[in-house]
Amino acid sequence: MGRVVIYDTALDAYVDQYALRVGKDVAEQVMAIAIEEAPEDTGELKLRHEVVFHDGIYWIFVDTGYAMYVHEGTGEYHPDGRKGGWVYWHEGKKRFYFTVGQRANRWLSRAGDAFENGARVEGAVS
């Protein structure tokens, strides 16, 4: 298949694992699978997927400030991440937490693999 590209506007960066050089119908199928695979905490990741055509390529775009962190992991769970852990304040719960990071959840990569293996979502192609 090509590459699944995660592009995060908040960081103005992308994780270049696979490039999706396919037709719009295939990109929409992979996106539909990705939406099913996306982790669901607040539900924002599931809502922020779209297919974008740019420079002759259909891209699956996830417009959140944190998609890259969820997909690639952070801290101890990322090769370039901070080691040793850190403390942060959770405003909603009004308390401090200690973390060593977040494990990667590569839902976009799983969606590409699932499509390659025959997975389809009924009604996903417009």
N, C-alpha and C. Protein backbone atom coordinates (compact mmCIF):
# COMPACT_ATOMS: atom_id res chain seq x y z
N MET A 1 0.86 -1.17 0.00
CA MET A 1 0.00 0.00 0.00
C MET A 1 0.89 1.22 0.00
N GLY A 2 0.72 2.28 0.23
CA GLY A 2 1.65 3.40 0.31
C GLY A 2 2.02 3.67 1.73
N ARG A 3 2.08 4.92 2.12
CA ARG A 3 2.41 5.30 3.50
C ARG A 3 1.19 5.94 4.13
N VAL A 4 0.98 5.70 5.39
CA VAL A 4 -0.04 6.44 6.15
C VAL A 4 0.71 7.63 6.72
N VAL A 5 0.22 8.81 6.49
CA VAL A 5 0.89 10.01 6.97
C VAL A 5 0.02 10.67 8.02
N ILE A 6 0.61 10.95 9.15
CA ILE A 6 -0.10 11.65 10.22
C ILE A 6 0.42 13.08 10.17
N TYR A 7 -0.47 14.04 10.02
CA TYR A 7 -0.05 15.43 9.96
C TYR A 7 -0.79 16.17 11.06
N ASP A 8 -0.06 16.84 11.88
CA ASP A 8 -0.63 17.50 13.04
C ASP A 8 -0.36 19.00 12.92
N THR A 9 -1.40 19.81 12.68
CA THR A 9 -1.20 21.23 12.46
C THR A 9 -0.65 21.94 13.69
N ALA A 10 -1.03 21.48 14.88
CA ALA A 10 -0.57 22.16 16.09
C ALA A 10 0.95 22.08 16.20
N LEU A 11 1.54 20.97 15.76
CA LEU A 11 2.99 20.83 15.81
C LEU A 11 3.63 21.20 14.50
N ASP A 12 2.80 21.35 13.44
CA ASP A 12 3.30 21.61 12.10
C ASP A 12 4.33 20.55 11.73
N ALA A 13 3.99 19.30 12.00
CA ALA A 13 4.91 18.18 11.74
C ALA A 13 4.11 16.99 11.28
N TYR A 14 4.77 16.02 10.70
CA TYR A 14 4.08 14.79 10.34
C TYR A 14 4.99 13.59 10.59
N VAL A 15 4.37 12.47 10.85
CA VAL A 15 5.08 11.22 11.03
C VAL A 15 4.97 10.50 9.71
N ASP A 16 6.09 10.29 9.05
CA ASP A 16 6.12 9.80 7.68
C ASP A 16 6.40 8.31 7.67
N GLN A 17 5.38 7.49 7.92
CA GLN A 17 5.59 6.04 7.98
C GLN A 17 5.28 5.36 6.66
N TYR A 18 4.22 5.74 6.04
CA TYR A 18 3.83 5.15 4.75
C TYR A 18 3.28 6.32 3.90
N ALA A 19 3.26 6.59 2.51
CA ALA A 19 2.52 7.69 1.81
C ALA A 19 1.40 7.09 1.02
N LEU A 20 0.26 7.68 1.15
CA LEU A 20 -0.93 7.10 0.55
C LEU A 20 -1.08 7.65 -0.86
N ARG A 21 -0.46 7.02 -1.84
CA ARG A 21 -0.53 7.46 -3.23
C ARG A 21 -1.56 6.60 -3.96
N VAL A 22 -2.79 6.75 -3.57
CA VAL A 22 -3.87 5.93 -4.09
C VAL A 22 -5.06 6.83 -4.41
N GLY A 23 -6.11 6.25 -4.93
CA GLY A 23 -7.31 7.02 -5.25
C GLY A 23 -8.08 7.42 -4.01
N LYS A 24 -8.98 8.38 -4.21
CA LYS A 24 -9.77 8.89 -3.10
C LYS A 24 -10.60 7.80 -2.44
N ASP A 25 -11.16 6.87 -3.24
CA ASP A 25 -11.99 5.82 -2.65
C ASP A 25 -11.20 4.94 -1.69
N VAL A 26 -9.94 4.65 -2.04
CA VAL A 26 -9.10 3.85 -1.15
C VAL A 26 -8.76 4.65 0.11
N ALA A 27 -8.42 5.91 -0.07
CA ALA A 27 -8.10 6.77 1.09
C ALA A 27 -9.30 6.85 2.03
N GLU A 28 -10.51 6.96 1.47
CA GLU A 28 -11.71 7.04 2.31
C GLU A 28 -11.97 5.72 3.04
N GLN A 29 -11.68 4.60 2.39
CA GLN A 29 -11.83 3.30 3.05
C GLN A 29 -10.84 3.18 4.21
N VAL A 30 -9.58 3.56 3.97
CA VAL A 30 -8.57 3.48 5.03
C VAL A 30 -8.95 4.42 6.17
N MET A 31 -9.46 5.62 5.83
CA MET A 31 -9.88 6.55 6.87
C MET A 31 -11.03 5.98 7.69
N ALA A 32 -12.00 5.34 7.03
CA ALA A 32 -13.13 4.75 7.75
C ALA A 32 -12.66 3.68 8.74
N ILE A 33 -11.70 2.86 8.30
CA ILE A 33 -11.13 1.85 9.20
C ILE A 33 -10.37 2.53 10.33
N ALA A 34 -9.63 3.60 10.01
CA ALA A 34 -8.88 4.34 11.03
C ALA A 34 -9.80 4.92 12.08
N ILE A 35 -10.95 5.42 11.67
CA ILE A 35 -11.91 5.98 12.63
C ILE A 35 -12.39 4.89 13.58
N GLU A 36 -12.63 3.69 13.04
CA GLU A 36 -13.03 2.58 13.91
C GLU A 36 -11.90 2.18 14.86
N GLU A 37 -10.65 2.27 14.39
CA GLU A 37 -9.49 1.87 15.19
C GLU A 37 -9.03 2.95 16.18
N ALA A 38 -9.41 4.19 15.96
CA ALA A 38 -8.91 5.30 16.78
C ALA A 38 -9.26 5.12 18.24
N PRO A 39 -8.31 5.41 19.13
CA PRO A 39 -8.60 5.33 20.56
C PRO A 39 -9.68 6.34 20.93
N GLU A 40 -10.45 5.99 21.94
CA GLU A 40 -11.57 6.85 22.30
C GLU A 40 -11.52 7.18 23.78
N ASP A 41 -11.05 8.38 24.05
CA ASP A 41 -11.07 8.90 25.42
C ASP A 41 -12.16 9.97 25.45
N THR A 42 -11.89 11.08 24.79
CA THR A 42 -12.90 12.13 24.68
C THR A 42 -13.71 11.98 23.39
N GLY A 43 -13.23 11.17 22.45
CA GLY A 43 -13.89 10.99 21.16
C GLY A 43 -13.40 11.94 20.09
N GLU A 44 -12.55 12.90 20.47
CA GLU A 44 -12.09 13.91 19.51
C GLU A 44 -11.30 13.30 18.35
N LEU A 45 -10.43 12.33 18.62
CA LEU A 45 -9.65 11.72 17.53
C LEU A 45 -10.56 11.11 16.48
N LYS A 46 -11.60 10.43 16.90
CA LYS A 46 -12.52 9.81 15.95
C LYS A 46 -13.22 10.85 15.08
N LEU A 47 -13.46 12.03 15.62
CA LEU A 47 -14.18 13.08 14.90
C LEU A 47 -13.31 13.91 13.98
N ARG A 48 -11.99 13.85 14.10
CA ARG A 48 -11.11 14.80 13.42
C ARG A 48 -10.36 14.23 12.21
N HIS A 49 -10.77 13.09 11.68
CA HIS A 49 -10.14 12.50 10.49
C HIS A 49 -10.77 13.10 9.22
N GLU A 50 -9.95 13.35 8.22
CA GLU A 50 -10.48 13.73 6.92
C GLU A 50 -9.48 13.35 5.84
N VAL A 51 -9.97 13.19 4.62
CA VAL A 51 -9.11 12.90 3.48
C VAL A 51 -8.86 14.23 2.78
N VAL A 52 -7.59 14.53 2.54
CA VAL A 52 -7.17 15.79 1.92
C VAL A 52 -6.32 15.45 0.70
N PHE A 53 -6.56 16.13 -0.42
CA PHE A 53 -5.75 15.95 -1.62
C PHE A 53 -4.74 17.09 -1.68
N HIS A 54 -3.45 16.76 -1.70
CA HIS A 54 -2.40 17.77 -1.72
C HIS A 54 -1.19 17.22 -2.47
N ASP A 55 -0.66 18.00 -3.39
CA ASP A 55 0.52 17.61 -4.18
C ASP A 55 0.35 16.25 -4.87
N GLY A 56 -0.86 16.00 -5.37
CA GLY A 56 -1.11 14.77 -6.11
C GLY A 56 -1.26 13.53 -5.26
N ILE A 57 -1.43 13.70 -3.94
CA ILE A 57 -1.54 12.56 -3.03
C ILE A 57 -2.77 12.77 -2.14
N TYR A 58 -3.50 11.69 -1.90
CA TYR A 58 -4.57 11.73 -0.89
C TYR A 58 -3.95 11.41 0.46
N TRP A 59 -4.19 12.29 1.42
CA TRP A 59 -3.64 12.14 2.77
C TRP A 59 -4.78 11.93 3.75
N ILE A 60 -4.54 11.11 4.75
CA ILE A 60 -5.48 11.03 5.87
C ILE A 60 -4.96 12.01 6.91
N PHE A 61 -5.75 13.01 7.18
CA PHE A 61 -5.37 14.14 8.02
C PHE A 61 -6.13 14.04 9.33
N VAL A 62 -5.43 14.12 10.45
CA VAL A 62 -6.06 14.10 11.77
C VAL A 62 -5.73 15.43 12.42
N ASP A 63 -6.73 16.29 12.50
CA ASP A 63 -6.52 17.67 12.93
C ASP A 63 -6.73 17.83 14.44
N THR A 64 -5.74 17.38 15.20
CA THR A 64 -5.73 17.63 16.65
C THR A 64 -4.31 18.02 17.03
N GLY A 65 -4.16 18.58 18.18
CA GLY A 65 -2.83 18.95 18.65
C GLY A 65 -2.06 17.81 19.28
N TYR A 66 -2.65 16.63 19.30
CA TYR A 66 -2.00 15.53 20.02
C TYR A 66 -2.00 14.20 19.28
N ALA A 67 -2.53 14.14 18.07
CA ALA A 67 -2.62 12.87 17.33
C ALA A 67 -1.28 12.18 17.21
N MET A 68 -0.24 12.95 16.93
CA MET A 68 1.09 12.37 16.76
C MET A 68 1.56 11.70 18.05
N TYR A 69 1.27 12.30 19.20
CA TYR A 69 1.70 11.73 20.47
C TYR A 69 0.99 10.42 20.76
N VAL A 70 -0.32 10.37 20.45
CA VAL A 70 -1.07 9.14 20.67
C VAL A 70 -0.55 8.05 19.73
N HIS A 71 -0.33 8.40 18.47
CA HIS A 71 0.10 7.41 17.48
C HIS A 71 1.51 6.90 17.75
N GLU A 72 2.42 7.77 18.10
CA GLU A 72 3.83 7.40 18.22
C GLU A 72 4.31 7.14 19.65
N GLY A 73 3.50 7.52 20.64
CA GLY A 73 3.90 7.35 22.03
C GLY A 73 4.73 8.52 22.53
N THR A 74 4.92 8.58 23.84
CA THR A 74 5.69 9.67 24.44
C THR A 74 6.58 9.12 25.54
N GLY A 75 7.46 9.96 26.00
CA GLY A 75 8.32 9.61 27.15
C GLY A 75 9.10 8.34 26.95
N GLU A 76 9.07 7.47 27.94
CA GLU A 76 9.82 6.21 27.92
C GLU A 76 9.43 5.31 26.76
N TYR A 77 8.23 5.53 26.20
CA TYR A 77 7.71 4.67 25.14
C TYR A 77 8.04 5.16 23.74
N HIS A 78 8.81 6.23 23.65
CA HIS A 78 9.23 6.77 22.36
C HIS A 78 10.76 6.83 22.35
N PRO A 79 11.40 6.42 21.25
CA PRO A 79 12.87 6.39 21.22
C PRO A 79 13.52 7.73 21.58
N ASP A 80 12.88 8.84 21.20
CA ASP A 80 13.45 10.16 21.50
C ASP A 80 12.74 10.84 22.67
N GLY A 81 11.93 10.09 23.40
CA GLY A 81 11.14 10.67 24.47
C GLY A 81 11.92 10.93 25.75
N ARG A 82 11.32 11.72 26.61
CA ARG A 82 11.88 12.05 27.91
C ARG A 82 11.93 10.80 28.78
N LYS A 83 13.03 10.60 29.42
CA LYS A 83 13.22 9.42 30.29
C LYS A 83 13.13 9.83 31.75
N GLY A 84 12.69 8.92 32.60
CA GLY A 84 12.66 9.18 34.03
C GLY A 84 11.34 9.67 34.57
N GLY A 85 10.40 9.98 33.70
CA GLY A 85 9.08 10.42 34.13
C GLY A 85 9.01 11.89 34.48
N TRP A 86 7.80 12.37 34.71
CA TRP A 86 7.56 13.76 35.07
C TRP A 86 6.19 13.88 35.73
N VAL A 87 5.99 14.99 36.39
CA VAL A 87 4.73 15.29 37.09
C VAL A 87 3.99 16.35 36.29
N TYR A 88 2.67 16.20 36.17
CA TYR A 88 1.87 17.22 35.51
C TYR A 88 0.56 17.43 36.27
N TRP A 89 -0.02 18.60 36.09
CA TRP A 89 -1.27 18.97 36.72
C TRP A 89 -2.42 18.69 35.76
N HIS A 90 -3.45 17.97 36.22
CA HIS A 90 -4.65 17.72 35.43
C HIS A 90 -5.71 18.70 35.90
N GLU A 91 -6.00 19.67 35.05
CA GLU A 91 -6.91 20.74 35.43
C GLU A 91 -8.31 20.21 35.76
N GLY A 92 -8.82 19.29 34.94
CA GLY A 92 -10.17 18.77 35.16
C GLY A 92 -10.32 18.02 36.47
N LYS A 93 -9.29 17.26 36.86
CA LYS A 93 -9.36 16.47 38.10
C LYS A 93 -8.74 17.18 39.29
N LYS A 94 -8.16 18.35 39.03
CA LYS A 94 -7.57 19.19 40.08
C LYS A 94 -6.57 18.43 40.94
N ARG A 95 -5.65 17.73 40.26
CA ARG A 95 -4.61 17.02 41.00
C ARG A 95 -3.40 16.80 40.12
N PHE A 96 -2.29 16.48 40.78
CA PHE A 96 -1.05 16.18 40.08
C PHE A 96 -0.97 14.70 39.76
N TYR A 97 -0.31 14.37 38.66
CA TYR A 97 -0.07 12.99 38.26
C TYR A 97 1.40 12.81 37.91
N PHE A 98 1.92 11.63 38.15
CA PHE A 98 3.26 11.26 37.71
C PHE A 98 3.10 10.30 36.54
N THR A 99 3.87 10.48 35.48
CA THR A 99 3.82 9.58 34.33
C THR A 99 5.21 9.34 33.77
N VAL A 100 5.37 8.24 33.11
CA VAL A 100 6.61 7.97 32.36
C VAL A 100 6.32 8.05 30.86
N GLY A 101 5.08 8.43 30.50
CA GLY A 101 4.71 8.59 29.10
C GLY A 101 3.51 7.75 28.72
N GLN A 102 3.23 7.75 27.45
CA GLN A 102 2.08 7.03 26.91
C GLN A 102 2.57 6.06 25.84
N ARG A 103 2.09 4.84 25.91
CA ARG A 103 2.45 3.85 24.89
C ARG A 103 1.85 4.26 23.54
N ALA A 104 2.55 3.93 22.47
CA ALA A 104 2.05 4.22 21.13
C ALA A 104 0.77 3.44 20.85
N ASN A 105 -0.15 4.08 20.17
CA ASN A 105 -1.38 3.44 19.71
C ASN A 105 -1.49 3.78 18.23
N ARG A 106 -0.92 2.95 17.38
CA ARG A 106 -0.78 3.24 15.95
C ARG A 106 -2.03 2.84 15.16
N TRP A 107 -3.13 3.53 15.45
CA TRP A 107 -4.40 3.20 14.82
C TRP A 107 -4.38 3.44 13.31
N LEU A 108 -3.66 4.44 12.83
CA LEU A 108 -3.61 4.68 11.39
C LEU A 108 -2.82 3.58 10.68
N SER A 109 -1.74 3.15 11.28
CA SER A 109 -0.97 2.05 10.69
C SER A 109 -1.80 0.77 10.68
N ARG A 110 -2.54 0.51 11.77
CA ARG A 110 -3.40 -0.68 11.81
C ARG A 110 -4.47 -0.60 10.72
N ALA A 111 -4.99 0.60 10.47
CA ALA A 111 -6.02 0.76 9.44
C ALA A 111 -5.44 0.43 8.06
N GLY A 112 -4.24 0.90 7.77
CA GLY A 112 -3.60 0.59 6.50
C GLY A 112 -3.35 -0.90 6.35
N ASP A 113 -2.88 -1.53 7.41
CA ASP A 113 -2.65 -2.98 7.38
C ASP A 113 -3.97 -3.74 7.19
N ALA A 114 -5.02 -3.30 7.89
CA ALA A 114 -6.32 -3.96 7.77
C ALA A 114 -6.85 -3.85 6.34
N PHE A 115 -6.70 -2.67 5.73
CA PHE A 115 -7.15 -2.51 4.35
C PHE A 115 -6.39 -3.45 3.42
N GLU A 116 -5.08 -3.51 3.60
CA GLU A 116 -4.27 -4.41 2.77
C GLU A 116 -4.72 -5.86 2.92
N ASN A 117 -5.22 -6.21 4.09
CA ASN A 117 -5.67 -7.58 4.36
C ASN A 117 -7.15 -7.80 4.05
N GLY A 118 -7.78 -6.85 3.37
CA GLY A 118 -9.15 -7.06 2.89
C GLY A 118 -10.25 -6.40 3.69
N ALA A 119 -9.96 -5.69 4.75
CA ALA A 119 -11.01 -5.04 5.54
C ALA A 119 -11.64 -3.90 4.74
N ARG A 120 -12.95 -3.76 4.84
CA ARG A 120 -13.67 -2.68 4.20
C ARG A 120 -14.77 -2.22 5.15
N VAL A 121 -15.19 -0.94 5.01
CA VAL A 121 -16.29 -0.40 5.80
C VAL A 121 -17.41 -0.05 4.85
N GLU A 122 -18.56 -0.67 5.03
CA GLU A 122 -19.73 -0.45 4.17
C GLU A 122 -20.13 1.02 4.15
N GLY A 123 -20.30 1.60 2.98
CA GLY A 123 -20.75 2.97 2.85
C GLY A 123 -19.67 4.02 3.08
N ALA A 124 -18.40 3.62 3.18
CA ALA A 124 -17.35 4.59 3.49
C ALA A 124 -16.96 5.43 2.29
N VAL A 125 -17.14 4.92 1.08
CA VAL A 125 -16.71 5.66 -0.11
C VAL A 125 -17.86 6.54 -0.57
N SER A 126 -17.53 7.83 -0.76
CA SER A 126 -18.59 8.77 -1.20
C SER A 126 -18.70 8.80 -2.70
